[in-house]
PDB file of N, CA and C in Angstrom:
ATOM      1  N   MET A   1     -57.561 -21.643 -23.411  1.00  0.00           N
ATOM      2  CA  MET A   1     -57.664 -20.479 -22.562  1.00  0.00           C
ATOM      3  C   MET A   1     -56.652 -20.531 -21.422  1.00  0.00           C
ATOM      4  N   SER A   2     -56.358 -21.717 -20.905  1.00  0.00           N
ATOM      5  CA  SER A   2     -55.449 -21.795 -19.772  1.00  0.00           C
ATOM      6  C   SER A   2     -53.988 -21.718 -20.205  1.00  0.00           C
ATOM      7  N   ASP A   3     -53.683 -21.987 -21.454  1.00  0.00           N
ATOM      8  CA  ASP A   3     -52.295 -21.918 -21.923  1.00  0.00           C
ATOM      9  C   ASP A   3     -51.696 -20.525 -21.766  1.00  0.00           C
ATOM     10  N   PRO A   4     -52.360 -19.469 -22.251  1.00  0.00           N
ATOM     11  CA  PRO A   4     -51.793 -18.130 -22.064  1.00  0.00           C
ATOM     12  C   PRO A   4     -51.689 -17.747 -20.589  1.00  0.00           C
ATOM     13  N   VAL A   5     -52.649 -18.182 -19.788  1.00  0.00           N
ATOM     14  CA  VAL A   5     -52.622 -17.862 -18.361  1.00  0.00           C
ATOM     15  C   VAL A   5     -51.446 -18.590 -17.700  1.00  0.00           C
ATOM     16  N   ASP A   6     -51.250 -19.848 -18.053  1.00  0.00           N
ATOM     17  CA  ASP A   6     -50.129 -20.614 -17.498  1.00  0.00           C
ATOM     18  C   ASP A   6     -48.794 -20.000 -17.911  1.00  0.00           C
ATOM     19  N   GLU A   7     -48.701 -19.558 -19.146  1.00  0.00           N
ATOM     20  CA  GLU A   7     -47.462 -18.929 -19.623  1.00  0.00           C
ATOM     21  C   GLU A   7     -47.193 -17.624 -18.877  1.00  0.00           C
ATOM     22  N   ARG A   8     -48.240 -16.836 -18.686  1.00  0.00           N
ATOM     23  CA  ARG A   8     -48.077 -15.575 -17.954  1.00  0.00           C
ATOM     24  C   ARG A   8     -47.680 -15.832 -16.509  1.00  0.00           C
ATOM     25  N   LEU A   9     -48.303 -16.837 -15.909  1.00  0.00           N
ATOM     26  CA  LEU A   9     -47.983 -17.172 -14.528  1.00  0.00           C
ATOM     27  C   LEU A   9     -46.532 -17.652 -14.417  1.00  0.00           C
ATOM     28  N   ALA A  10     -46.103 -18.476 -15.331  1.00  0.00           N
ATOM     29  CA  ALA A  10     -44.720 -18.961 -15.334  1.00  0.00           C
ATOM     30  C   ALA A  10     -43.749 -17.789 -15.534  1.00  0.00           C
ATOM     31  N   ASP A  11     -44.108 -16.872 -16.437  1.00  0.00           N
ATOM     32  CA  ASP A  11     -43.271 -15.697 -16.675  1.00  0.00           C
ATOM     33  C   ASP A  11     -43.165 -14.839 -15.415  1.00  0.00           C
ATOM     34  N   LEU A  12     -44.280 -14.650 -14.721  1.00  0.00           N
ATOM     35  CA  LEU A  12     -44.266 -13.864 -13.492  1.00  0.00           C
ATOM     36  C   LEU A  12     -43.431 -14.547 -12.407  1.00  0.00           C
ATOM     37  N   GLU A  13     -43.531 -15.867 -12.325  1.00  0.00           N
ATOM     38  CA  GLU A  13     -42.734 -16.597 -11.340  1.00  0.00           C
ATOM     39  C   GLU A  13     -41.242 -16.471 -11.639  1.00  0.00           C
ATOM     40  N   ILE A  14     -40.886 -16.526 -12.889  1.00  0.00           N
ATOM     41  CA  ILE A  14     -39.474 -16.375 -13.287  1.00  0.00           C
ATOM     42  C   ILE A  14     -38.991 -14.967 -12.943  1.00  0.00           C
ATOM     43  N   ARG A  15     -39.809 -13.973 -13.263  1.00  0.00           N
ATOM     44  CA  ARG A  15     -39.436 -12.592 -12.947  1.00  0.00           C
ATOM     45  C   ARG A  15     -39.272 -12.397 -11.439  1.00  0.00           C
ATOM     46  N   LEU A  16     -40.183 -12.970 -10.667  1.00  0.00           N
ATOM     47  CA  LEU A  16     -40.116 -12.858  -9.218  1.00  0.00           C
ATOM     48  C   LEU A  16     -38.834 -13.504  -8.687  1.00  0.00           C
ATOM     49  N   THR A  17     -38.478 -14.632  -9.228  1.00  0.00           N
ATOM     50  CA  THR A  17     -37.252 -15.314  -8.815  1.00  0.00           C
ATOM     51  C   THR A  17     -36.026 -14.454  -9.114  1.00  0.00           C
ATOM     52  N   HIS A  18     -35.994 -13.852 -10.296  1.00  0.00           N
ATOM     53  CA  HIS A  18     -34.873 -12.979 -10.659  1.00  0.00           C
ATOM     54  C   HIS A  18     -34.836 -11.738  -9.759  1.00  0.00           C
ATOM     55  N   GLN A  19     -35.989 -11.190  -9.455  1.00  0.00           N
ATOM     56  CA  GLN A  19     -36.032 -10.015  -8.586  1.00  0.00           C
ATOM     57  C   GLN A  19     -35.591 -10.361  -7.168  1.00  0.00           C
ATOM     58  N   ASP A  20     -35.987 -11.519  -6.668  1.00  0.00           N
ATOM     59  CA  ASP A  20     -35.533 -11.960  -5.352  1.00  0.00           C
ATOM     60  C   ASP A  20     -34.016 -12.100  -5.324  1.00  0.00           C
ATOM     61  N   ASP A  21     -33.465 -12.668  -6.371  1.00  0.00           N
ATOM     62  CA  ASP A  21     -32.011 -12.819  -6.456  1.00  0.00           C
ATOM     63  C   ASP A  21     -31.325 -11.455  -6.506  1.00  0.00           C
ATOM     64  N   ALA A  22     -31.890 -10.530  -7.263  1.00  0.00           N
ATOM     65  CA  ALA A  22     -31.305  -9.185  -7.356  1.00  0.00           C
ATOM     66  C   ALA A  22     -31.372  -8.478  -6.004  1.00  0.00           C
ATOM     67  N   ILE A  23     -32.474  -8.629  -5.291  1.00  0.00           N
ATOM     68  CA  ILE A  23     -32.614  -8.006  -3.972  1.00  0.00           C
ATOM     69  C   ILE A  23     -31.589  -8.587  -3.008  1.00  0.00           C
ATOM     70  N   ASP A  24     -31.408  -9.906  -3.042  1.00  0.00           N
ATOM     71  CA  ASP A  24     -30.418 -10.547  -2.174  1.00  0.00           C
ATOM     72  C   ASP A  24     -29.004 -10.044  -2.481  1.00  0.00           C
ATOM     73  N   THR A  25     -28.693  -9.915  -3.753  1.00  0.00           N
ATOM     74  CA  THR A  25     -27.373  -9.427  -4.161  1.00  0.00           C
ATOM     75  C   THR A  25     -27.168  -7.985  -3.691  1.00  0.00           C
ATOM     76  N   LEU A  26     -28.178  -7.155  -3.861  1.00  0.00           N
ATOM     77  CA  LEU A  26     -28.089  -5.762  -3.426  1.00  0.00           C
ATOM     78  C   LEU A  26     -27.963  -5.655  -1.908  1.00  0.00           C
ATOM     79  N   THR A  27     -28.674  -6.505  -1.197  1.00  0.00           N
ATOM     80  CA  THR A  27     -28.603  -6.501   0.263  1.00  0.00           C
ATOM     81  C   THR A  27     -27.200  -6.869   0.725  1.00  0.00           C
ATOM     82  N   GLU A  28     -26.612  -7.895   0.131  1.00  0.00           N
ATOM     83  CA  GLU A  28     -25.242  -8.293   0.480  1.00  0.00           C
ATOM     84  C   GLU A  28     -24.263  -7.157   0.197  1.00  0.00           C
ATOM     85  N   SER A  29     -24.439  -6.511  -0.933  1.00  0.00           N
ATOM     86  CA  SER A  29     -23.563  -5.397  -1.297  1.00  0.00           C
ATOM     87  C   SER A  29     -23.715  -4.246  -0.304  1.00  0.00           C
ATOM     88  N   LEU A  30     -24.937  -3.955   0.062  1.00  0.00           N
ATOM     89  CA  LEU A  30     -25.199  -2.882   1.018  1.00  0.00           C
ATOM     90  C   LEU A  30     -24.574  -3.190   2.380  1.00  0.00           C
ATOM     91  N   LEU A  31     -24.673  -4.425   2.818  1.00  0.00           N
ATOM     92  CA  LEU A  31     -24.081  -4.819   4.092  1.00  0.00           C
ATOM     93  C   LEU A  31     -22.559  -4.695   4.067  1.00  0.00           C
ATOM     94  N   ARG A  32     -21.940  -5.099   2.948  1.00  0.00           N
ATOM     95  CA  ARG A  32     -20.481  -4.953   2.807  1.00  0.00           C
ATOM     96  C   ARG A  32     -20.075  -3.484   2.851  1.00  0.00           C
ATOM     97  N   GLN A  33     -20.817  -2.647   2.142  1.00  0.00           N
ATOM     98  CA  GLN A  33     -20.508  -1.224   2.122  1.00  0.00           C
ATOM     99  C   GLN A  33     -20.696  -0.595   3.496  1.00  0.00           C
ATOM    100  N   GLN A  34     -21.731  -0.997   4.224  1.00  0.00           N
ATOM    101  CA  GLN A  34     -21.955  -0.455   5.559  1.00  0.00           C
ATOM    102  C   GLN A  34     -20.828  -0.861   6.496  1.00  0.00           C
ATOM    103  N   LYS A  35     -20.331  -2.074   6.345  1.00  0.00           N
ATOM    104  CA  LYS A  35     -19.213  -2.534   7.169  1.00  0.00           C
ATOM    105  C   LYS A  35     -17.966  -1.685   6.893  1.00  0.00           C
ATOM    106  N   ILE A  36     -17.730  -1.391   5.624  1.00  0.00           N
ATOM    107  CA  ILE A  36     -16.588  -0.545   5.245  1.00  0.00           C
ATOM    108  C   ILE A  36     -16.764   0.859   5.818  1.00  0.00           C
ATOM    109  N   ILE A  37     -17.961   1.404   5.722  1.00  0.00           N
ATOM    110  CA  ILE A  37     -18.229   2.743   6.259  1.00  0.00           C
ATOM    111  C   ILE A  37     -17.991   2.769   7.764  1.00  0.00           C
ATOM    112  N   ASP A  38     -18.466   1.738   8.457  1.00  0.00           N
ATOM    113  CA  ASP A  38     -18.263   1.669   9.902  1.00  0.00           C
ATOM    114  C   ASP A  38     -16.775   1.625  10.246  1.00  0.00           C
ATOM    115  N   GLN A  39     -16.007   0.847   9.494  1.00  0.00           N
ATOM    116  CA  GLN A  39     -14.559   0.763   9.729  1.00  0.00           C
ATOM    117  C   GLN A  39     -13.894   2.115   9.479  1.00  0.00           C
ATOM    118  N   GLN A  40     -14.291   2.790   8.420  1.00  0.00           N
ATOM    119  CA  GLN A  40     -13.696   4.083   8.106  1.00  0.00           C
ATOM    120  C   GLN A  40     -14.058   5.129   9.152  1.00  0.00           C
ATOM    121  N   GLN A  41     -15.277   5.090   9.662  1.00  0.00           N
ATOM    122  CA  GLN A  41     -15.656   6.028  10.711  1.00  0.00           C
ATOM    123  C   GLN A  41     -14.828   5.788  11.973  1.00  0.00           C
ATOM    124  N   GLU A  42     -14.588   4.528  12.303  1.00  0.00           N
ATOM    125  CA  GLU A  42     -13.761   4.221  13.465  1.00  0.00           C
ATOM    126  C   GLU A  42     -12.328   4.714  13.254  1.00  0.00           C
ATOM    127  N   GLN A  43     -11.795   4.537  12.049  1.00  0.00           N
ATOM    128  CA  GLN A  43     -10.447   5.025  11.750  1.00  0.00           C
ATOM    129  C   GLN A  43     -10.380   6.543  11.868  1.00  0.00           C
ATOM    130  N   ILE A  44     -11.395   7.230  11.386  1.00  0.00           N
ATOM    131  CA  ILE A  44     -11.431   8.695  11.476  1.00  0.00           C
ATOM    132  C   ILE A  44     -11.459   9.124  12.939  1.00  0.00           C
ATOM    133  N   GLN A  45     -12.250   8.439  13.745  1.00  0.00           N
ATOM    134  CA  GLN A  45     -12.313   8.775  15.168  1.00  0.00           C
ATOM    135  C   GLN A  45     -10.957   8.541  15.843  1.00  0.00           C
ATOM    136  N   GLN A  46     -10.290   7.445  15.493  1.00  0.00           N
ATOM    137  CA  GLN A  46      -8.964   7.171  16.059  1.00  0.00           C
ATOM    138  C   GLN A  46      -7.967   8.253  15.657  1.00  0.00           C
ATOM    139  N   LEU A  47      -7.984   8.629  14.380  1.00  0.00           N
ATOM    140  CA  LEU A  47      -7.079   9.675  13.910  1.00  0.00           C
ATOM    141  C   LEU A  47      -7.378  11.004  14.594  1.00  0.00           C
ATOM    142  N   HIS A  48      -8.646  11.285  14.797  1.00  0.00           N
ATOM    143  CA  HIS A  48      -9.046  12.524  15.473  1.00  0.00           C
ATOM    144  C   HIS A  48      -8.515  12.535  16.910  1.00  0.00           C
ATOM    145  N   ARG A  49      -8.653  11.398  17.595  1.00  0.00           N
ATOM    146  CA  ARG A  49      -8.134  11.316  18.967  1.00  0.00           C
ATOM    147  C   ARG A  49      -6.611  11.477  18.986  1.00  0.00           C
ATOM    148  N   ARG A  50      -5.926  10.852  18.018  1.00  0.00           N
ATOM    149  CA  ARG A  50      -4.466  10.984  17.954  1.00  0.00           C
ATOM    150  C   ARG A  50      -4.059  12.433  17.695  1.00  0.00           C
ATOM    151  N   LEU A  51      -4.739  13.081  16.769  1.00  0.00           N
ATOM    152  CA  LEU A  51      -4.433  14.477  16.445  1.00  0.00           C
ATOM    153  C   LEU A  51      -4.679  15.374  17.650  1.00  0.00           C
ATOM    154  N   ARG A  52      -5.783  15.150  18.336  1.00  0.00           N
ATOM    155  CA  ARG A  52      -6.080  15.945  19.522  1.00  0.00           C
ATOM    156  C   ARG A  52      -4.985  15.727  20.582  1.00  0.00           C
ATOM    157  N   GLY A  53      -4.527  14.482  20.739  1.00  0.00           N
ATOM    158  CA  GLY A  53      -3.456  14.199  21.693  1.00  0.00           C
ATOM    159  C   GLY A  53      -2.166  14.898  21.319  1.00  0.00           C
ATOM    160  N   ILE A  54      -1.844  14.903  20.030  1.00  0.00           N
ATOM    161  CA  ILE A  54      -0.624  15.587  19.569  1.00  0.00           C
ATOM    162  C   ILE A  54      -0.743  17.086  19.804  1.00  0.00           C
ATOM    163  N   GLU A  55      -1.914  17.658  19.505  1.00  0.00           N
ATOM    164  CA  GLU A  55      -2.111  19.094  19.718  1.00  0.00           C
ATOM    165  C   GLU A  55      -1.999  19.442  21.197  1.00  0.00           C
ATOM    166  N   GLU A  56      -2.561  18.610  22.057  1.00  0.00           N
ATOM    167  CA  GLU A  56      -2.462  18.860  23.490  1.00  0.00           C
ATOM    168  C   GLU A  56      -1.015  18.756  23.957  1.00  0.00           C
ATOM    169  N   GLN A  57      -0.294  17.802  23.413  1.00  0.00           N
ATOM    170  CA  GLN A  57       1.115  17.630  23.771  1.00  0.00           C
ATOM    171  C   GLN A  57       1.920  18.861  23.365  1.00  0.00           C
ATOM    172  N   ARG A  58       1.651  19.367  22.178  1.00  0.00           N
ATOM    173  CA  ARG A  58       2.367  20.562  21.711  1.00  0.00           C
ATOM    174  C   ARG A  58       2.059  21.767  22.580  1.00  0.00           C
ATOM    175  N   SER A  59       0.789  21.906  22.969  1.00  0.00           N
ATOM    176  CA  SER A  59       0.445  23.063  23.796  1.00  0.00           C
ATOM    177  C   SER A  59       1.024  22.914  25.203  1.00  0.00           C
ATOM    178  N   ASP A  60       1.148  21.680  25.709  1.00  0.00           N
ATOM    179  CA  ASP A  60       1.762  21.455  27.013  1.00  0.00           C
ATOM    180  C   ASP A  60       3.261  21.747  26.984  1.00  0.00           C
ATOM    181  N   ASP A  61       3.899  21.491  25.842  1.00  0.00           N
ATOM    182  CA  ASP A  61       5.337  21.739  25.691  1.00  0.00           C
ATOM    183  C   ASP A  61       5.638  23.211  25.458  1.00  0.00           C
ATOM    184  N   GLY A  62       4.627  24.003  25.267  1.00  0.00           N
ATOM    185  CA  GLY A  62       4.825  25.435  25.036  1.00  0.00           C
ATOM    186  C   GLY A  62       5.093  25.762  23.581  1.00  0.00           C
ATOM    187  N   GLY A  63       4.915  24.830  22.693  1.00  0.00           N
ATOM    188  CA  GLY A  63       5.196  25.066  21.280  1.00  0.00           C
ATOM    189  C   GLY A  63       4.022  25.633  20.523  1.00  0.00           C
ATOM    190  N   GLY A  64       2.912  25.800  21.184  1.00  0.00           N
ATOM    191  CA  GLY A  64       1.723  26.221  20.463  1.00  0.00           C
ATOM    192  C   GLY A  64       1.676  27.694  20.160  1.00  0.00           C
ATOM    193  N   GLY A  65       2.113  28.582  21.105  1.00  0.00           N
ATOM    194  CA  GLY A  65       1.924  29.999  20.889  1.00  0.00           C
ATOM    195  C   GLY A  65       3.193  30.754  20.573  1.00  0.00           C
ATOM    196  N   GLU A  66       4.297  30.084  20.455  1.00  0.00           N
ATOM    197  CA  GLU A  66       5.558  30.773  20.192  1.00  0.00           C
ATOM    198  C   GLU A  66       5.686  31.130  18.713  1.00  0.00           C
ATOM    199  N   ALA A  67       6.552  32.100  18.476  1.00  0.00           N
ATOM    200  CA  ALA A  67       6.821  32.506  17.093  1.00  0.00           C
ATOM    201  C   ALA A  67       7.610  31.399  16.404  1.00  0.00           C
ATOM    202  N   PRO A  68       7.488  31.307  15.098  1.00  0.00           N
ATOM    203  CA  PRO A  68       8.233  30.272  14.387  1.00  0.00           C
ATOM    204  C   PRO A  68       9.739  30.507  14.493  1.00  0.00           C
ATOM    205  N   GLU A  69      10.461  29.416  14.443  1.00  0.00           N
ATOM    206  CA  GLU A  69      11.916  29.485  14.534  1.00  0.00           C
ATOM    207  C   GLU A  69      12.488  30.212  13.297  1.00  0.00           C
ATOM    208  N   PRO A  70      13.418  31.137  13.483  1.00  0.00           N
ATOM    209  CA  PRO A  70      13.970  31.828  12.317  1.00  0.00           C
ATOM    210  C   PRO A  70      14.786  30.868  11.444  1.00  0.00           C
ATOM    211  N   PRO A  71      14.884  31.180  10.154  1.00  0.00           N
ATOM    212  CA  PRO A  71      15.638  30.285   9.265  1.00  0.00           C
ATOM    213  C   PRO A  71      17.135  30.330   9.627  1.00  0.00           C
ATOM    214  N   PRO A  72      17.859  29.287   9.309  1.00  0.00           N
ATOM    215  CA  PRO A  72      19.290  29.278   9.594  1.00  0.00           C
ATOM    216  C   PRO A  72      20.000  30.351   8.771  1.00  0.00           C
ATOM    217  N   PRO A  73      21.214  30.757   9.203  1.00  0.00           N
ATOM    218  CA  PRO A  73      21.933  31.848   8.529  1.00  0.00           C
ATOM    219  C   PRO A  73      22.235  31.580   7.056  1.00  0.00           C
ATOM    220  N   HIS A  74      22.443  30.342   6.683  1.00  0.00           N
ATOM    221  CA  HIS A  74      22.798  30.061   5.294  1.00  0.00           C
ATOM    222  C   HIS A  74      21.587  30.014   4.381  1.00  0.00           C
ATOM    223  N   TYR A  75      20.418  30.269   4.899  1.00  0.00           N
ATOM    224  CA  TYR A  75      19.195  30.165   4.121  1.00  0.00           C
ATOM    225  C   TYR A  75      19.005  31.306   3.183  1.00  0.00           C
TER     226      TYR A  75
END
């Protein structure tokens, strides 16, 4: 009677060990992905600040509201 119970218990312990390993692997993967996302968000914010600075510079130079330059005569 105890043989089938021992086998089932051993099987459950093996499954639990595999599931723990899978959870650990998934957690590590999730942490790596979150780190990448955080880096990309910081890069986007930096690019946004740079773009805003360029736009402000253009508007300060008076280039923002003027008509486009006409094409050269040979065009």
